[in-house]
Amino acid sequence: MFIGHYAVALAAKKAAPKTSLGTLVMSAQFLDLLWPLFLLLGLEHVRVEAGNTAFTPLDFYDYQISHSLATALGWSVGFALVYMVIRRNLRSALVLAGCVFSHWVLDFITHRPDLPIAPGMNTFAGLGLWNSVGGTIIIESLLFLGGVFLYARTTRALDKTGTYAFWSLIVLLAAGYTANITAPPPTSATALGIGGLTQWLVVAWAYWIDRHRTLRQ
C-alpha cells in the first residue's frame, strides 16, 4: 500500500491532536522510511520482476528487518517509547505505536504472501489485494480521501501557508500515486532505494504544514 499509509497519519490527528502531523506521517510510514536505508546498505533486497502482481512489478523477497510481523511490533513499541521519553504523552505514544503497526496491517492486505512473520522464519503472510489493480486503487483512494477529510475537519489553517501547504501536499501525493501506477518500473534496486529516501521530504513537509494549522474548536 502507498497513499493508504498517509491516510492513517492524516486520520490519526483526530486521535492525537497534540501530535504534529510530521510525527504522525513518520510513524505511519516508518517501516518504509527504514526500508530504503536497509536496501542501500545491502541488509535487505528487492528485485524488479514483471508480473509479480498486477499492481506492482516489485518482488519483496528479503525485507525481514523492516517488514516482518515481529520487527513491526518491535518498531511500534520502540517508536512509542522514544516519543514517550521526549513528550511524556501516553495517549499520543499509543496512537503512534498504532500508526507504526498499521503499516504492516495495510501491507498485509495488499501484498501477496511475502511479508515475513519473523526474521529467520520461512512463513509469510499477505492477502494479495495487489492482484487486482482496480480493487487496490478504489480501496487506497477511499482510505486517502477519508484521511484528508478527517484531518481537514480536525484542523484549520492559521494563514495562507496552512491552506496552500496542506492542499499542495495532497495534490503531490495523489500525483505521485498516479505516477507510481503509470510510470515504467525502476531501473534497479539502488534507484528504488534512493527514490524511497525522498519520503523524508514528505515528513518535513508535514511538520511545516502543522506549524501553520491549529485545532478546530
N, C-alpha and C. Protein backbone atom coordinates (compact mmCIF):
# COMPACT_ATOMS: atom_id res chain seq x y z
N MET A 1 0.85 -1.19 0.00
CA MET A 1 0.00 0.00 0.00
C MET A 1 0.88 1.24 0.00
N PHE A 2 0.37 2.33 -0.61
CA PHE A 2 1.15 3.55 -0.73
C PHE A 2 0.45 4.72 -0.04
N ILE A 3 -0.49 5.40 -0.71
CA ILE A 3 -1.12 6.56 -0.08
C ILE A 3 -2.04 6.16 1.07
N GLY A 4 -2.40 4.88 1.17
CA GLY A 4 -3.19 4.43 2.31
C GLY A 4 -2.48 4.66 3.63
N HIS A 5 -1.15 4.59 3.62
CA HIS A 5 -0.39 4.83 4.85
C HIS A 5 -0.50 6.30 5.27
N TYR A 6 -0.50 7.19 4.29
CA TYR A 6 -0.66 8.61 4.61
C TYR A 6 -2.07 8.89 5.14
N ALA A 7 -3.03 8.12 4.68
CA ALA A 7 -4.40 8.26 5.18
C ALA A 7 -4.44 8.02 6.69
N VAL A 8 -3.72 7.01 7.15
CA VAL A 8 -3.67 6.71 8.58
C VAL A 8 -3.10 7.90 9.35
N ALA A 9 -2.02 8.48 8.84
CA ALA A 9 -1.39 9.62 9.51
C ALA A 9 -2.34 10.80 9.59
N LEU A 10 -3.01 11.10 8.51
CA LEU A 10 -3.95 12.23 8.48
C LEU A 10 -5.11 12.00 9.45
N ALA A 11 -5.66 10.80 9.42
CA ALA A 11 -6.80 10.49 10.29
C ALA A 11 -6.39 10.48 11.76
N ALA A 12 -5.16 10.09 12.05
CA ALA A 12 -4.70 9.96 13.43
C ALA A 12 -4.61 11.30 14.15
N LYS A 13 -4.61 12.39 13.42
CA LYS A 13 -4.57 13.71 14.06
C LYS A 13 -5.76 13.90 14.99
N LYS A 14 -6.88 13.32 14.64
CA LYS A 14 -8.07 13.43 15.49
C LYS A 14 -7.88 12.68 16.80
N ALA A 15 -7.18 11.56 16.74
CA ALA A 15 -6.95 10.77 17.96
C ALA A 15 -5.80 11.32 18.79
N ALA A 16 -4.85 11.99 18.14
CA ALA A 16 -3.69 12.56 18.85
C ALA A 16 -3.53 14.02 18.43
N PRO A 17 -4.43 14.89 18.84
CA PRO A 17 -4.44 16.27 18.36
C PRO A 17 -3.21 17.08 18.73
N LYS A 18 -2.51 16.69 19.81
CA LYS A 18 -1.33 17.44 20.24
C LYS A 18 -0.06 17.00 19.51
N THR A 19 -0.18 15.97 18.69
CA THR A 19 0.98 15.44 17.98
C THR A 19 1.06 16.04 16.59
N SER A 20 2.25 16.48 16.19
CA SER A 20 2.43 17.09 14.88
C SER A 20 2.11 16.09 13.77
N LEU A 21 1.57 16.60 12.68
CA LEU A 21 1.32 15.76 11.51
C LEU A 21 2.63 15.15 11.01
N GLY A 22 3.73 15.85 11.17
CA GLY A 22 5.02 15.31 10.75
C GLY A 22 5.37 14.03 11.50
N THR A 23 5.13 14.02 12.80
CA THR A 23 5.40 12.83 13.60
C THR A 23 4.43 11.71 13.23
N LEU A 24 3.19 12.06 12.96
CA LEU A 24 2.20 11.05 12.57
C LEU A 24 2.57 10.42 11.23
N VAL A 25 3.00 11.25 10.27
CA VAL A 25 3.43 10.72 8.98
C VAL A 25 4.66 9.83 9.16
N MET A 26 5.60 10.29 9.98
CA MET A 26 6.80 9.49 10.21
C MET A 26 6.44 8.12 10.78
N SER A 27 5.49 8.09 11.70
CA SER A 27 5.12 6.82 12.32
C SER A 27 4.40 5.90 11.33
N ALA A 28 3.45 6.43 10.59
CA ALA A 28 2.69 5.60 9.66
C ALA A 28 3.56 5.08 8.52
N GLN A 29 4.60 5.81 8.18
CA GLN A 29 5.50 5.43 7.09
C GLN A 29 6.82 4.87 7.60
N PHE A 30 6.91 4.63 8.90
CA PHE A 30 8.21 4.32 9.49
C PHE A 30 8.87 3.09 8.85
N LEU A 31 8.12 2.04 8.60
CA LEU A 31 8.71 0.84 8.01
C LEU A 31 9.26 1.14 6.61
N ASP A 32 8.55 1.98 5.87
CA ASP A 32 9.03 2.33 4.53
C ASP A 32 10.10 3.41 4.55
N LEU A 33 10.27 4.09 5.67
CA LEU A 33 11.39 5.01 5.81
C LEU A 33 12.67 4.24 6.13
N LEU A 34 12.53 3.16 6.86
CA LEU A 34 13.67 2.31 7.17
C LEU A 34 14.10 1.48 5.96
N TRP A 35 13.12 1.00 5.21
CA TRP A 35 13.40 0.04 4.14
C TRP A 35 14.41 0.52 3.11
N PRO A 36 14.30 1.76 2.55
CA PRO A 36 15.31 2.17 1.57
C PRO A 36 16.72 2.27 2.17
N LEU A 37 16.81 2.62 3.45
CA LEU A 37 18.12 2.65 4.11
C LEU A 37 18.72 1.25 4.16
N PHE A 38 17.92 0.28 4.58
CA PHE A 38 18.40 -1.10 4.64
C PHE A 38 18.71 -1.64 3.25
N LEU A 39 17.93 -1.20 2.27
CA LEU A 39 18.15 -1.62 0.89
C LEU A 39 19.50 -1.12 0.38
N LEU A 40 19.79 0.15 0.61
CA LEU A 40 21.05 0.74 0.14
C LEU A 40 22.25 0.19 0.91
N LEU A 41 22.04 -0.21 2.15
CA LEU A 41 23.12 -0.80 2.95
C LEU A 41 23.33 -2.28 2.64
N GLY A 42 22.46 -2.84 1.82
CA GLY A 42 22.59 -4.25 1.47
C GLY A 42 22.07 -5.20 2.53
N LEU A 43 21.31 -4.68 3.50
CA LEU A 43 20.75 -5.52 4.55
C LEU A 43 19.44 -6.17 4.12
N GLU A 44 18.77 -5.55 3.16
CA GLU A 44 17.54 -6.10 2.60
C GLU A 44 17.63 -6.01 1.08
N HIS A 45 16.76 -6.75 0.40
CA HIS A 45 16.87 -6.85 -1.06
C HIS A 45 15.50 -6.87 -1.71
N VAL A 46 15.46 -6.40 -2.95
CA VAL A 46 14.24 -6.42 -3.76
C VAL A 46 14.67 -6.61 -5.21
N ARG A 47 13.79 -7.16 -6.01
CA ARG A 47 14.08 -7.25 -7.44
C ARG A 47 12.85 -6.84 -8.24
N VAL A 48 13.10 -6.34 -9.43
CA VAL A 48 12.02 -5.96 -10.34
C VAL A 48 11.68 -7.17 -11.18
N GLU A 49 10.44 -7.60 -11.09
CA GLU A 49 10.01 -8.81 -11.78
C GLU A 49 8.64 -8.55 -12.40
N ALA A 50 8.61 -8.33 -13.70
CA ALA A 50 7.36 -8.03 -14.39
C ALA A 50 6.33 -9.11 -14.12
N GLY A 51 5.11 -8.67 -13.74
CA GLY A 51 4.04 -9.62 -13.48
C GLY A 51 4.05 -10.20 -12.08
N ASN A 52 4.91 -9.70 -11.20
CA ASN A 52 4.94 -10.21 -9.83
C ASN A 52 3.56 -10.13 -9.20
N THR A 53 2.93 -8.96 -9.34
CA THR A 53 1.49 -8.80 -9.08
C THR A 53 0.96 -7.88 -10.18
N ALA A 54 -0.35 -7.80 -10.28
CA ALA A 54 -0.94 -6.95 -11.32
C ALA A 54 -0.64 -5.48 -11.07
N PHE A 55 -0.45 -5.11 -9.79
CA PHE A 55 -0.30 -3.70 -9.45
C PHE A 55 1.14 -3.23 -9.47
N THR A 56 2.08 -4.09 -9.03
CA THR A 56 3.48 -3.67 -8.96
C THR A 56 4.40 -4.79 -9.41
N PRO A 57 5.49 -4.45 -10.10
CA PRO A 57 6.45 -5.47 -10.52
C PRO A 57 7.52 -5.77 -9.48
N LEU A 58 7.40 -5.21 -8.29
CA LEU A 58 8.44 -5.37 -7.28
C LEU A 58 8.28 -6.69 -6.52
N ASP A 59 9.35 -7.43 -6.43
CA ASP A 59 9.38 -8.68 -5.69
C ASP A 59 10.12 -8.44 -4.37
N PHE A 60 9.37 -8.29 -3.29
CA PHE A 60 9.95 -8.03 -1.97
C PHE A 60 10.32 -9.37 -1.33
N TYR A 61 11.43 -9.92 -1.78
CA TYR A 61 11.78 -11.27 -1.34
C TYR A 61 12.65 -11.29 -0.09
N ASP A 62 13.15 -10.13 0.35
CA ASP A 62 14.01 -10.10 1.53
C ASP A 62 13.88 -8.75 2.22
N TYR A 63 12.96 -8.68 3.18
CA TYR A 63 12.86 -7.45 4.00
C TYR A 63 12.36 -7.80 5.40
N GLN A 64 13.11 -8.72 5.99
CA GLN A 64 12.73 -9.25 7.29
C GLN A 64 12.97 -8.27 8.44
N ILE A 65 13.92 -7.35 8.27
CA ILE A 65 14.22 -6.41 9.36
C ILE A 65 13.17 -5.32 9.43
N SER A 66 12.80 -4.80 8.31
CA SER A 66 11.87 -3.66 8.30
C SER A 66 10.41 -4.11 8.30
N HIS A 67 10.08 -5.24 7.67
CA HIS A 67 8.67 -5.54 7.41
C HIS A 67 8.16 -6.87 7.94
N SER A 68 8.90 -7.55 8.79
CA SER A 68 8.32 -8.77 9.36
C SER A 68 7.32 -8.38 10.46
N LEU A 69 6.41 -9.29 10.76
CA LEU A 69 5.42 -9.02 11.80
C LEU A 69 6.10 -8.76 13.14
N ALA A 70 7.09 -9.58 13.46
CA ALA A 70 7.77 -9.44 14.76
C ALA A 70 8.51 -8.12 14.87
N THR A 71 9.25 -7.75 13.82
CA THR A 71 10.00 -6.50 13.89
C THR A 71 9.08 -5.29 13.81
N ALA A 72 7.96 -5.42 13.09
CA ALA A 72 6.99 -4.31 13.04
C ALA A 72 6.46 -4.02 14.43
N LEU A 73 6.19 -5.07 15.20
CA LEU A 73 5.77 -4.87 16.58
C LEU A 73 6.88 -4.20 17.39
N GLY A 74 8.11 -4.63 17.15
CA GLY A 74 9.25 -4.03 17.86
C GLY A 74 9.43 -2.56 17.49
N TRP A 75 9.35 -2.24 16.20
CA TRP A 75 9.47 -0.84 15.78
C TRP A 75 8.34 0.00 16.38
N SER A 76 7.13 -0.57 16.49
CA SER A 76 5.99 0.16 17.06
C SER A 76 6.26 0.53 18.51
N VAL A 77 6.70 -0.46 19.28
CA VAL A 77 6.99 -0.22 20.70
C VAL A 77 8.14 0.76 20.86
N GLY A 78 9.18 0.58 20.06
CA GLY A 78 10.35 1.46 20.14
C GLY A 78 10.00 2.90 19.81
N PHE A 79 9.22 3.10 18.75
CA PHE A 79 8.82 4.45 18.35
C PHE A 79 8.03 5.11 19.47
N ALA A 80 7.08 4.36 20.05
CA ALA A 80 6.24 4.92 21.12
C ALA A 80 7.08 5.25 22.35
N LEU A 81 8.03 4.40 22.69
CA LEU A 81 8.85 4.65 23.87
C LEU A 81 9.71 5.90 23.71
N VAL A 82 10.30 6.07 22.53
CA VAL A 82 11.11 7.26 22.28
C VAL A 82 10.24 8.52 22.40
N TYR A 83 9.04 8.47 21.80
CA TYR A 83 8.14 9.62 21.88
C TYR A 83 7.74 9.89 23.34
N MET A 84 7.47 8.82 24.09
CA MET A 84 7.06 8.97 25.48
C MET A 84 8.17 9.62 26.30
N VAL A 85 9.40 9.25 26.05
CA VAL A 85 10.52 9.84 26.77
C VAL A 85 10.65 11.32 26.46
N ILE A 86 10.43 11.68 25.18
CA ILE A 86 10.61 13.07 24.76
C ILE A 86 9.42 13.94 25.15
N ARG A 87 8.20 13.43 24.93
CA ARG A 87 7.00 14.25 25.07
C ARG A 87 6.17 13.98 26.33
N ARG A 88 6.38 12.83 26.94
CA ARG A 88 5.63 12.48 28.15
C ARG A 88 4.12 12.51 27.90
N ASN A 89 3.69 11.96 26.78
CA ASN A 89 2.27 11.94 26.44
C ASN A 89 1.89 10.51 26.09
N LEU A 90 1.28 9.80 27.04
CA LEU A 90 0.99 8.38 26.85
C LEU A 90 -0.02 8.16 25.73
N ARG A 91 -1.05 8.98 25.70
CA ARG A 91 -2.09 8.80 24.67
C ARG A 91 -1.49 8.91 23.28
N SER A 92 -0.72 9.95 23.05
CA SER A 92 -0.11 10.14 21.74
C SER A 92 0.87 9.02 21.42
N ALA A 93 1.61 8.57 22.44
CA ALA A 93 2.57 7.48 22.22
C ALA A 93 1.85 6.21 21.77
N LEU A 94 0.70 5.93 22.37
CA LEU A 94 -0.07 4.75 21.98
C LEU A 94 -0.62 4.89 20.56
N VAL A 95 -1.07 6.09 20.22
CA VAL A 95 -1.57 6.32 18.86
C VAL A 95 -0.45 6.12 17.85
N LEU A 96 0.74 6.61 18.18
CA LEU A 96 1.88 6.47 17.28
C LEU A 96 2.28 5.01 17.12
N ALA A 97 2.23 4.25 18.22
CA ALA A 97 2.50 2.81 18.11
C ALA A 97 1.51 2.16 17.17
N GLY A 98 0.25 2.56 17.27
CA GLY A 98 -0.76 2.03 16.37
C GLY A 98 -0.51 2.41 14.93
N CYS A 99 -0.04 3.64 14.71
CA CYS A 99 0.26 4.09 13.35
C CYS A 99 1.40 3.28 12.74
N VAL A 100 2.45 3.06 13.54
CA VAL A 100 3.58 2.27 13.02
C VAL A 100 3.11 0.87 12.65
N PHE A 101 2.35 0.24 13.54
CA PHE A 101 1.92 -1.13 13.25
C PHE A 101 0.88 -1.19 12.14
N SER A 102 0.11 -0.11 11.97
CA SER A 102 -0.89 -0.09 10.89
C SER A 102 -0.23 -0.29 9.53
N HIS A 103 1.03 0.09 9.42
CA HIS A 103 1.74 -0.08 8.16
C HIS A 103 1.80 -1.56 7.78
N TRP A 104 2.13 -2.41 8.75
CA TRP A 104 2.20 -3.85 8.47
C TRP A 104 0.81 -4.38 8.14
N VAL A 105 -0.21 -3.91 8.86
CA VAL A 105 -1.58 -4.39 8.63
C VAL A 105 -2.04 -4.05 7.21
N LEU A 106 -1.80 -2.81 6.78
CA LEU A 106 -2.21 -2.42 5.44
C LEU A 106 -1.41 -3.15 4.38
N ASP A 107 -0.12 -3.36 4.64
CA ASP A 107 0.69 -4.14 3.70
C ASP A 107 0.20 -5.59 3.64
N PHE A 108 -0.23 -6.12 4.77
CA PHE A 108 -0.78 -7.48 4.81
C PHE A 108 -1.98 -7.60 3.88
N ILE A 109 -2.78 -6.55 3.82
CA ILE A 109 -3.96 -6.57 2.95
C ILE A 109 -3.56 -6.53 1.48
N THR A 110 -2.56 -5.73 1.14
CA THR A 110 -2.24 -5.51 -0.27
C THR A 110 -1.22 -6.48 -0.84
N HIS A 111 -0.20 -6.83 -0.07
CA HIS A 111 0.88 -7.67 -0.59
C HIS A 111 0.40 -9.09 -0.87
N ARG A 112 1.06 -9.74 -1.81
CA ARG A 112 0.93 -11.19 -1.91
C ARG A 112 1.64 -11.79 -0.69
N PRO A 113 1.53 -13.09 -0.44
CA PRO A 113 2.17 -13.65 0.76
C PRO A 113 3.70 -13.57 0.72
N ASP A 114 4.22 -12.36 0.99
CA ASP A 114 5.67 -12.17 1.03
C ASP A 114 6.13 -11.47 2.30
N LEU A 115 5.18 -11.14 3.19
CA LEU A 115 5.54 -10.48 4.44
C LEU A 115 5.98 -11.52 5.46
N PRO A 116 7.24 -11.47 5.92
CA PRO A 116 7.72 -12.47 6.88
C PRO A 116 7.02 -12.33 8.23
N ILE A 117 6.84 -13.44 8.89
CA ILE A 117 6.29 -13.39 10.25
C ILE A 117 7.36 -12.96 11.23
N ALA A 118 8.58 -13.45 11.04
CA ALA A 118 9.71 -13.08 11.90
C ALA A 118 11.00 -13.38 11.15
N PRO A 119 12.07 -12.64 11.43
CA PRO A 119 13.35 -12.93 10.79
C PRO A 119 13.76 -14.39 11.02
N GLY A 120 14.18 -15.03 9.94
CA GLY A 120 14.63 -16.42 10.04
C GLY A 120 13.53 -17.45 9.89
N MET A 121 12.26 -17.00 9.91
CA MET A 121 11.14 -17.94 9.74
C MET A 121 10.74 -18.01 8.27
N ASN A 122 10.45 -19.19 7.80
CA ASN A 122 10.04 -19.37 6.41
C ASN A 122 8.52 -19.40 6.31
N THR A 123 7.88 -18.45 7.00
CA THR A 123 6.43 -18.32 6.99
C THR A 123 6.09 -16.90 6.58
N PHE A 124 5.18 -16.77 5.62
CA PHE A 124 4.89 -15.45 5.05
C PHE A 124 3.38 -15.22 5.01
N ALA A 125 3.00 -13.94 4.98
CA ALA A 125 1.59 -13.58 5.00
C ALA A 125 1.30 -12.51 3.96
N GLY A 126 0.05 -12.39 3.57
CA GLY A 126 -0.38 -11.38 2.61
C GLY A 126 -1.66 -11.81 1.92
N LEU A 127 -2.64 -10.91 1.85
CA LEU A 127 -3.93 -11.26 1.26
C LEU A 127 -3.97 -11.05 -0.25
N GLY A 128 -3.01 -10.27 -0.80
CA GLY A 128 -2.89 -10.17 -2.25
C GLY A 128 -3.83 -9.22 -2.95
N LEU A 129 -4.22 -8.12 -2.31
CA LEU A 129 -5.07 -7.14 -3.00
C LEU A 129 -4.39 -6.60 -4.25
N TRP A 130 -3.05 -6.57 -4.26
CA TRP A 130 -2.33 -6.08 -5.43
C TRP A 130 -2.56 -6.92 -6.68
N ASN A 131 -3.18 -8.07 -6.55
CA ASN A 131 -3.53 -8.85 -7.73
C ASN A 131 -4.71 -8.24 -8.48
N SER A 132 -5.35 -7.24 -7.89
CA SER A 132 -6.43 -6.50 -8.54
C SER A 132 -6.07 -5.02 -8.58
N VAL A 133 -5.78 -4.52 -9.78
CA VAL A 133 -5.44 -3.10 -9.92
C VAL A 133 -6.61 -2.22 -9.51
N GLY A 134 -7.79 -2.55 -10.03
CA GLY A 134 -8.97 -1.74 -9.73
C GLY A 134 -9.31 -1.75 -8.25
N GLY A 135 -9.26 -2.93 -7.63
CA GLY A 135 -9.57 -3.02 -6.21
C GLY A 135 -8.58 -2.24 -5.37
N THR A 136 -7.29 -2.30 -5.73
CA THR A 136 -6.26 -1.57 -5.00
C THR A 136 -6.50 -0.07 -5.08
N ILE A 137 -6.75 0.43 -6.28
CA ILE A 137 -6.95 1.87 -6.46
C ILE A 137 -8.18 2.35 -5.70
N ILE A 138 -9.27 1.60 -5.77
CA ILE A 138 -10.51 2.00 -5.10
C ILE A 138 -10.31 2.06 -3.58
N ILE A 139 -9.75 1.01 -3.01
CA ILE A 139 -9.59 0.95 -1.55
C ILE A 139 -8.61 2.01 -1.06
N GLU A 140 -7.48 2.15 -1.74
CA GLU A 140 -6.49 3.16 -1.30
C GLU A 140 -7.05 4.56 -1.45
N SER A 141 -7.74 4.81 -2.54
CA SER A 141 -8.29 6.15 -2.77
C SER A 141 -9.33 6.50 -1.72
N LEU A 142 -10.18 5.55 -1.38
CA LEU A 142 -11.19 5.80 -0.35
C LEU A 142 -10.55 6.06 1.01
N LEU A 143 -9.53 5.27 1.34
CA LEU A 143 -8.80 5.50 2.58
C LEU A 143 -8.17 6.89 2.60
N PHE A 144 -7.54 7.26 1.50
CA PHE A 144 -6.86 8.55 1.42
C PHE A 144 -7.85 9.70 1.55
N LEU A 145 -8.95 9.62 0.83
CA LEU A 145 -9.97 10.67 0.91
C LEU A 145 -10.53 10.77 2.32
N GLY A 146 -10.72 9.63 2.98
CA GLY A 146 -11.20 9.65 4.36
C GLY A 146 -10.20 10.32 5.29
N GLY A 147 -8.92 10.02 5.11
CA GLY A 147 -7.89 10.64 5.93
C GLY A 147 -7.82 12.14 5.72
N VAL A 148 -7.88 12.57 4.47
CA VAL A 148 -7.86 14.00 4.16
C VAL A 148 -9.06 14.70 4.80
N PHE A 149 -10.22 14.08 4.69
CA PHE A 149 -11.44 14.66 5.26
C PHE A 149 -11.31 14.83 6.78
N LEU A 150 -10.82 13.79 7.47
CA LEU A 150 -10.70 13.87 8.92
C LEU A 150 -9.69 14.91 9.36
N TYR A 151 -8.55 14.99 8.66
CA TYR A 151 -7.56 15.99 9.05
C TYR A 151 -8.10 17.41 8.79
N ALA A 152 -8.77 17.60 7.66
CA ALA A 152 -9.32 18.92 7.34
C ALA A 152 -10.42 19.31 8.32
N ARG A 153 -11.17 18.34 8.83
CA ARG A 153 -12.22 18.63 9.80
C ARG A 153 -11.65 18.85 11.20
N THR A 154 -10.50 18.29 11.48
CA THR A 154 -9.89 18.39 12.81
C THR A 154 -9.08 19.67 12.97
N THR A 155 -8.52 20.17 11.88
CA THR A 155 -7.66 21.36 11.93
C THR A 155 -8.18 22.45 11.00
N ARG A 156 -7.67 23.64 11.21
CA ARG A 156 -7.95 24.76 10.31
C ARG A 156 -6.67 25.54 10.10
N ALA A 157 -6.58 26.22 8.97
CA ALA A 157 -5.39 26.99 8.63
C ALA A 157 -5.28 28.24 9.49
N LEU A 158 -4.07 28.53 9.94
CA LEU A 158 -3.81 29.78 10.66
C LEU A 158 -3.53 30.91 9.68
N ASP A 159 -3.07 30.58 8.49
CA ASP A 159 -2.72 31.57 7.48
C ASP A 159 -2.79 30.91 6.11
N LYS A 160 -2.42 31.64 5.08
CA LYS A 160 -2.48 31.09 3.73
C LYS A 160 -1.54 29.90 3.55
N THR A 161 -0.39 29.96 4.24
CA THR A 161 0.55 28.83 4.16
C THR A 161 -0.11 27.55 4.63
N GLY A 162 -0.88 27.64 5.71
CA GLY A 162 -1.56 26.47 6.24
C GLY A 162 -2.53 25.86 5.26
N THR A 163 -3.11 26.68 4.40
CA THR A 163 -4.02 26.18 3.37
C THR A 163 -3.26 25.62 2.18
N TYR A 164 -2.36 26.44 1.64
CA TYR A 164 -1.67 26.03 0.40
C TYR A 164 -0.70 24.88 0.63
N ALA A 165 0.00 24.89 1.77
CA ALA A 165 0.95 23.82 2.03
C ALA A 165 0.23 22.48 2.19
N PHE A 166 -0.91 22.50 2.86
CA PHE A 166 -1.67 21.26 3.06
C PHE A 166 -2.21 20.72 1.74
N TRP A 167 -2.92 21.55 1.01
CA TRP A 167 -3.56 21.04 -0.21
C TRP A 167 -2.56 20.75 -1.31
N SER A 168 -1.44 21.45 -1.32
CA SER A 168 -0.42 21.12 -2.32
C SER A 168 0.21 19.75 -2.02
N LEU A 169 0.34 19.41 -0.72
CA LEU A 169 0.85 18.09 -0.38
C LEU A 169 -0.13 17.00 -0.81
N ILE A 170 -1.40 17.26 -0.61
CA ILE A 170 -2.42 16.28 -1.02
C ILE A 170 -2.36 16.05 -2.52
N VAL A 171 -2.23 17.13 -3.27
CA VAL A 171 -2.14 17.01 -4.74
C VAL A 171 -0.86 16.26 -5.12
N LEU A 172 0.24 16.58 -4.44
CA LEU A 172 1.51 15.92 -4.74
C LEU A 172 1.43 14.41 -4.47
N LEU A 173 0.83 14.03 -3.34
CA LEU A 173 0.71 12.62 -3.01
C LEU A 173 -0.17 11.89 -4.02
N ALA A 174 -1.26 12.55 -4.42
CA ALA A 174 -2.15 11.94 -5.42
C ALA A 174 -1.43 11.79 -6.76
N ALA A 175 -0.66 12.82 -7.14
CA ALA A 175 0.09 12.75 -8.40
C ALA A 175 1.17 11.68 -8.33
N GLY A 176 1.83 11.58 -7.18
CA GLY A 176 2.85 10.55 -7.01
C GLY A 176 2.26 9.16 -7.09
N TYR A 177 1.07 9.00 -6.54
CA TYR A 177 0.40 7.70 -6.60
C TYR A 177 0.05 7.34 -8.04
N THR A 178 -0.43 8.34 -8.78
CA THR A 178 -0.76 8.11 -10.20
C THR A 178 0.49 7.74 -10.99
N ALA A 179 1.58 8.46 -10.72
CA ALA A 179 2.83 8.17 -11.42
C ALA A 179 3.34 6.78 -11.07
N ASN A 180 3.15 6.38 -9.83
CA ASN A 180 3.60 5.05 -9.41
C ASN A 180 2.87 3.95 -10.18
N ILE A 181 1.62 4.23 -10.53
CA ILE A 181 0.83 3.26 -11.27
C ILE A 181 1.20 3.23 -12.75
N THR A 182 1.45 4.42 -13.31
CA THR A 182 1.60 4.53 -14.76
C THR A 182 3.05 4.56 -15.24
N ALA A 183 3.98 4.91 -14.37
CA ALA A 183 5.39 5.05 -14.80
C ALA A 183 6.02 3.69 -15.02
N PRO A 184 7.09 3.64 -15.85
CA PRO A 184 7.82 2.38 -16.01
C PRO A 184 8.46 1.94 -14.71
N PRO A 185 8.77 0.64 -14.56
CA PRO A 185 9.38 0.15 -13.32
C PRO A 185 10.75 0.79 -13.08
N PRO A 186 11.20 0.84 -11.83
CA PRO A 186 12.54 1.37 -11.54
C PRO A 186 13.61 0.53 -12.23
N THR A 187 14.71 1.18 -12.54
CA THR A 187 15.78 0.51 -13.28
C THR A 187 16.61 -0.42 -12.42
N SER A 188 16.64 -0.18 -11.11
CA SER A 188 17.46 -1.01 -10.23
C SER A 188 17.00 -0.85 -8.78
N ALA A 189 17.45 -1.75 -7.93
CA ALA A 189 17.14 -1.65 -6.51
C ALA A 189 17.77 -0.40 -5.90
N THR A 190 18.94 -0.02 -6.39
CA THR A 190 19.60 1.19 -5.89
C THR A 190 18.77 2.43 -6.19
N ALA A 191 18.27 2.51 -7.42
CA ALA A 191 17.41 3.63 -7.80
C ALA A 191 16.15 3.66 -6.94
N LEU A 192 15.62 2.49 -6.64
CA LEU A 192 14.43 2.39 -5.80
C LEU A 192 14.74 2.87 -4.38
N GLY A 193 15.90 2.49 -3.87
CA GLY A 193 16.28 2.92 -2.53
C GLY A 193 16.48 4.41 -2.43
N ILE A 194 17.16 4.98 -3.43
CA ILE A 194 17.38 6.43 -3.44
C ILE A 194 16.05 7.17 -3.55
N GLY A 195 15.17 6.67 -4.42
CA GLY A 195 13.85 7.28 -4.54
C GLY A 195 13.06 7.18 -3.25
N GLY A 196 13.21 6.07 -2.55
CA GLY A 196 12.47 5.89 -1.30
C GLY A 196 12.88 6.87 -0.22
N LEU A 197 14.11 7.34 -0.27
CA LEU A 197 14.58 8.31 0.72
C LEU A 197 13.86 9.65 0.61
N THR A 198 13.25 9.93 -0.55
CA THR A 198 12.53 11.20 -0.72
C THR A 198 11.30 11.27 0.19
N GLN A 199 10.89 10.13 0.75
CA GLN A 199 9.75 10.16 1.66
C GLN A 199 10.04 11.02 2.90
N TRP A 200 11.32 11.18 3.23
CA TRP A 200 11.65 12.04 4.36
C TRP A 200 11.28 13.49 4.08
N LEU A 201 11.24 13.87 2.80
CA LEU A 201 10.80 15.22 2.44
C LEU A 201 9.33 15.42 2.78
N VAL A 202 8.55 14.37 2.61
CA VAL A 202 7.12 14.45 2.96
C VAL A 202 6.97 14.63 4.47
N VAL A 203 7.80 13.94 5.24
CA VAL A 203 7.77 14.10 6.70
C VAL A 203 8.06 15.56 7.07
N ALA A 204 9.09 16.14 6.47
CA ALA A 204 9.44 17.54 6.75
C ALA A 204 8.31 18.47 6.32
N TRP A 205 7.71 18.19 5.18
CA TRP A 205 6.59 18.99 4.67
C TRP A 205 5.42 18.93 5.66
N ALA A 206 5.15 17.77 6.20
CA ALA A 206 4.05 17.61 7.14
C ALA A 206 4.30 18.41 8.42
N TYR A 207 5.55 18.45 8.90
CA TYR A 207 5.87 19.30 10.06
C TYR A 207 5.60 20.77 9.73
N TRP A 208 5.98 21.18 8.53
CA TRP A 208 5.77 22.56 8.10
C TRP A 208 4.27 22.88 8.07
N ILE A 209 3.48 21.97 7.53
CA ILE A 209 2.03 22.18 7.47
C ILE A 209 1.46 22.39 8.86
N ASP A 210 1.84 21.51 9.79
CA ASP A 210 1.22 21.52 11.11
C ASP A 210 1.55 22.78 11.89
N ARG A 211 2.69 23.41 11.58
CA ARG A 211 3.02 24.67 12.25
C ARG A 211 2.13 25.82 11.79
N HIS A 212 1.45 25.62 10.69
CA HIS A 212 0.58 26.68 10.14
C HIS A 212 -0.90 26.31 10.21
N ARG A 213 -1.21 25.29 11.03
CA ARG A 213 -2.60 24.92 11.24
C ARG A 213 -2.82 24.73 12.73
N THR A 214 -4.07 24.86 13.16
CA THR A 214 -4.41 24.67 14.56
C THR A 214 -5.66 23.84 14.65
N LEU A 215 -5.98 23.36 15.84
CA LEU A 215 -7.16 22.53 16.02
C LEU A 215 -8.41 23.38 15.94
N ARG A 216 -9.44 22.81 15.34
CA ARG A 216 -10.74 23.49 15.34
C ARG A 216 -11.35 23.41 16.73
N GLN A 217 -12.06 24.45 17.12
CA GLN A 217 -12.70 24.47 18.44
C GLN A 217 -13.98 23.64 18.39
